[in-house]
Amino acid sequence: MGYELRVVRESPLAFAELAKAIAPAGFELSAAEEILAKHGGDAHTVGRWRGEIVGEPGSDWHVAQLVRLSSVLGGRLVGEDGEIYALTDGVVEVVTNGNAAEIGKFDEIVAAGPDSW
């Protein structure tokens, strides 16, 4: 199992609401309760429903998609160590202990695709 990121919301999201909430942003929900995003015509898993949305990113593309997903759902993306991943002025960043570090420009990360680290 890899490093997990969770979408945290003030109010829990019921599974029945999930597909309806993510569809307008282009995400899909599989029968196996995986949240999928497309790149190059292929669907890639960015997270899974486990009573909450949990992702194990394998690339910056996955992190960017999870940041976008958390925004769509009105939540925030939080890592196992309490760091927060966010999109600020078109840049994906991670905030740890109040210090922000840039991961990269959202558009460039998404265009590059889900190649593994």
C-alpha atoms as a PDB file:
ATOM      1  CA  MET A   1       0.000   0.000   0.000  1.00  0.00           C
ATOM      2  CA  GLY A   2       1.300   3.459  -0.951  1.00  0.00           C
ATOM      3  CA  TYR A   3       0.977   6.845   0.663  1.00  0.00           C
ATOM      4  CA  GLU A   4      -2.675   7.806   1.055  1.00  0.00           C
ATOM      5  CA  LEU A   5      -4.345  11.138   0.466  1.00  0.00           C
ATOM      6  CA  ARG A   6      -7.919  11.734   1.654  1.00  0.00           C
ATOM      7  CA  VAL A   7     -10.603  14.156   0.568  1.00  0.00           C
ATOM      8  CA  VAL A   8     -11.844  15.717   3.803  1.00  0.00           C
ATOM      9  CA  ARG A   9     -15.170  17.557   3.953  1.00  0.00           C
ATOM     10  CA  GLU A  10     -16.989  19.413   6.704  1.00  0.00           C
ATOM     11  CA  SER A  11     -20.060  17.281   6.100  1.00  0.00           C
ATOM     12  CA  PRO A  12     -19.757  13.678   4.950  1.00  0.00           C
ATOM     13  CA  LEU A  13     -20.772  12.824   1.420  1.00  0.00           C
ATOM     14  CA  ALA A  14     -23.078   9.846   0.991  1.00  0.00           C
ATOM     15  CA  PHE A  15     -22.098   7.321  -1.668  1.00  0.00           C
ATOM     16  CA  ALA A  16     -25.429   7.854  -3.422  1.00  0.00           C
ATOM     17  CA  GLU A  17     -24.504  11.540  -3.940  1.00  0.00           C
ATOM     18  CA  LEU A  18     -20.964  10.872  -5.140  1.00  0.00           C
ATOM     19  CA  ALA A  19     -21.559  10.010  -8.811  1.00  0.00           C
ATOM     20  CA  LYS A  20     -23.915  12.933  -9.238  1.00  0.00           C
ATOM     21  CA  ALA A  21     -21.401  15.310  -7.650  1.00  0.00           C
ATOM     22  CA  ILE A  22     -18.345  14.248  -9.681  1.00  0.00           C
ATOM     23  CA  ALA A  23     -19.887  13.714 -13.133  1.00  0.00           C
ATOM     24  CA  PRO A  24     -20.076  17.402 -14.150  1.00  0.00           C
ATOM     25  CA  ALA A  25     -16.281  17.667 -13.664  1.00  0.00           C
ATOM     26  CA  GLY A  26     -15.658  14.690 -15.955  1.00  0.00           C
ATOM     27  CA  PHE A  27     -14.934  12.096 -13.275  1.00  0.00           C
ATOM     28  CA  GLU A  28     -16.574   8.678 -13.439  1.00  0.00           C
ATOM     29  CA  LEU A  29     -17.467   6.159 -10.759  1.00  0.00           C
ATOM     30  CA  SER A  30     -16.818   2.493 -11.573  1.00  0.00           C
ATOM     31  CA  ALA A  31     -18.780  -0.499 -10.325  1.00  0.00           C
ATOM     32  CA  ALA A  32     -15.819  -1.257  -8.040  1.00  0.00           C
ATOM     33  CA  GLU A  33     -16.302   2.189  -6.408  1.00  0.00           C
ATOM     34  CA  GLU A  34     -13.206   3.643  -8.070  1.00  0.00           C
ATOM     35  CA  ILE A  35     -13.148   7.265  -9.150  1.00  0.00           C
ATOM     36  CA  LEU A  36     -11.754   7.564 -12.662  1.00  0.00           C
ATOM     37  CA  ALA A  37     -10.350  10.431 -14.717  1.00  0.00           C
ATOM     38  CA  LYS A  38      -9.529  10.222 -18.403  1.00  0.00           C
ATOM     39  CA  HIS A  39      -6.291  10.998 -20.163  1.00  0.00           C
ATOM     40  CA  GLY A  40      -5.544  10.163 -23.772  1.00  0.00           C
ATOM     41  CA  GLY A  41      -8.785   8.249 -24.127  1.00  0.00           C
ATOM     42  CA  ASP A  42      -8.001   5.908 -21.217  1.00  0.00           C
ATOM     43  CA  ALA A  43      -9.612   5.997 -17.780  1.00  0.00           C
ATOM     44  CA  HIS A  44      -7.257   6.016 -14.796  1.00  0.00           C
ATOM     45  CA  THR A  45      -8.110   5.417 -11.152  1.00  0.00           C
ATOM     46  CA  VAL A  46      -7.471   8.500  -9.030  1.00  0.00           C
ATOM     47  CA  GLY A  47      -9.277   7.412  -5.879  1.00  0.00           C
ATOM     48  CA  ARG A  48     -11.522   4.887  -4.214  1.00  0.00           C
ATOM     49  CA  TRP A  49     -14.634   5.186  -2.101  1.00  0.00           C
ATOM     50  CA  ARG A  50     -14.084   3.776   1.414  1.00  0.00           C
ATOM     51  CA  GLY A  51     -16.729   5.744   3.255  1.00  0.00           C
ATOM     52  CA  GLU A  52     -14.576   8.659   2.160  1.00  0.00           C
ATOM     53  CA  ILE A  53     -12.440   9.248  -0.917  1.00  0.00           C
ATOM     54  CA  VAL A  54      -8.923   7.888  -0.610  1.00  0.00           C
ATOM     55  CA  GLY A  55      -6.231   8.003  -3.260  1.00  0.00           C
ATOM     56  CA  GLU A  56      -2.764   6.513  -3.532  1.00  0.00           C
ATOM     57  CA  PRO A  57      -1.126   8.740  -6.137  1.00  0.00           C
ATOM     58  CA  GLY A  58       1.554   7.345  -8.382  1.00  0.00           C
ATOM     59  CA  SER A  59       2.315  10.613 -10.168  1.00  0.00           C
ATOM     60  CA  ASP A  60       1.873  14.366  -9.972  1.00  0.00           C
ATOM     61  CA  TRP A  61      -1.035  13.884 -12.408  1.00  0.00           C
ATOM     62  CA  HIS A  62      -2.843  11.772  -9.796  1.00  0.00           C
ATOM     63  CA  VAL A  63      -2.192  14.406  -7.124  1.00  0.00           C
ATOM     64  CA  ALA A  64      -3.509  17.150  -9.429  1.00  0.00           C
ATOM     65  CA  GLN A  65      -6.639  15.113 -10.180  1.00  0.00           C
ATOM     66  CA  LEU A  66      -7.218  14.501  -6.461  1.00  0.00           C
ATOM     67  CA  VAL A  67      -6.809  18.219  -5.762  1.00  0.00           C
ATOM     68  CA  ARG A  68      -9.375  18.950  -8.483  1.00  0.00           C
ATOM     69  CA  LEU A  69     -11.700  16.261  -7.120  1.00  0.00           C
ATOM     70  CA  SER A  70     -11.492  17.632  -3.587  1.00  0.00           C
ATOM     71  CA  SER A  71     -12.358  21.081  -4.908  1.00  0.00           C
ATOM     72  CA  VAL A  72     -15.333  19.736  -6.872  1.00  0.00           C
ATOM     73  CA  LEU A  73     -16.606  18.091  -3.693  1.00  0.00           C
ATOM     74  CA  GLY A  74     -16.077  21.170  -1.534  1.00  0.00           C
ATOM     75  CA  GLY A  75     -13.350  19.544   0.526  1.00  0.00           C
ATOM     76  CA  ARG A  76      -9.608  19.608   0.937  1.00  0.00           C
ATOM     77  CA  LEU A  77      -6.958  17.043   0.141  1.00  0.00           C
ATOM     78  CA  VAL A  78      -5.002  15.890   3.192  1.00  0.00           C
ATOM     79  CA  GLY A  79      -2.011  13.563   3.405  1.00  0.00           C
ATOM     80  CA  GLU A  80      -1.262  10.960   6.073  1.00  0.00           C
ATOM     81  CA  ASP A  81       1.103  13.379   7.809  1.00  0.00           C
ATOM     82  CA  GLY A  82      -1.415  16.240   7.888  1.00  0.00           C
ATOM     83  CA  GLU A  83      -0.095  18.147   4.890  1.00  0.00           C
ATOM     84  CA  ILE A  84      -2.644  19.909   2.697  1.00  0.00           C
ATOM     85  CA  TYR A  85      -2.587  19.796  -1.100  1.00  0.00           C
ATOM     86  CA  ALA A  86      -4.214  22.743  -2.850  1.00  0.00           C
ATOM     87  CA  LEU A  87      -4.529  24.618  -6.113  1.00  0.00           C
ATOM     88  CA  THR A  88      -3.462  28.252  -5.801  1.00  0.00           C
ATOM     89  CA  ASP A  89      -3.383  30.547  -8.827  1.00  0.00           C
ATOM     90  CA  GLY A  90      -3.112  27.576 -11.188  1.00  0.00           C
ATOM     91  CA  VAL A  91      -0.311  25.906  -9.214  1.00  0.00           C
ATOM     92  CA  VAL A  92      -0.608  22.645  -7.288  1.00  0.00           C
ATOM     93  CA  GLU A  93       1.139  23.019  -3.963  1.00  0.00           C
ATOM     94  CA  VAL A  94       1.577  21.162  -0.718  1.00  0.00           C
ATOM     95  CA  VAL A  95       1.444  23.000   2.597  1.00  0.00           C
ATOM     96  CA  THR A  96       3.301  21.446   5.518  1.00  0.00           C
ATOM     97  CA  ASN A  97       3.553  23.220   8.878  1.00  0.00           C
ATOM     98  CA  GLY A  98       2.481  26.471   7.224  1.00  0.00           C
ATOM     99  CA  ASN A  99       5.140  26.274   4.498  1.00  0.00           C
ATOM    100  CA  ALA A 100       3.998  25.925   0.885  1.00  0.00           C
ATOM    101  CA  ALA A 101       6.025  24.048  -1.708  1.00  0.00           C
ATOM    102  CA  GLU A 102       5.109  24.094  -5.397  1.00  0.00           C
ATOM    103  CA  ILE A 103       4.478  20.765  -7.093  1.00  0.00           C
ATOM    104  CA  GLY A 104       3.881  22.326 -10.498  1.00  0.00           C
ATOM    105  CA  LYS A 105       1.477  24.165 -12.774  1.00  0.00           C
ATOM    106  CA  PHE A 106      -1.848  22.363 -12.865  1.00  0.00           C
ATOM    107  CA  ASP A 107      -2.319  22.615 -16.642  1.00  0.00           C
ATOM    108  CA  GLU A 108       1.182  21.295 -17.355  1.00  0.00           C
ATOM    109  CA  ILE A 109       0.810  18.414 -14.891  1.00  0.00           C
ATOM    110  CA  VAL A 110      -2.550  17.366 -16.336  1.00  0.00           C
ATOM    111  CA  ALA A 111      -1.270  17.620 -19.912  1.00  0.00           C
ATOM    112  CA  ALA A 112       1.773  15.455 -19.047  1.00  0.00           C
ATOM    113  CA  GLY A 113      -0.487  12.601 -17.978  1.00  0.00           C
ATOM    114  CA  PRO A 114      -0.338   9.869 -15.375  1.00  0.00           C
ATOM    115  CA  ASP A 115       3.189   8.552 -15.945  1.00  0.00           C
ATOM    116  CA  SER A 116       4.538   7.079 -12.719  1.00  0.00           C
ATOM    117  CA  TRP A 117       7.143   8.800 -10.594  1.00  0.00           C
END
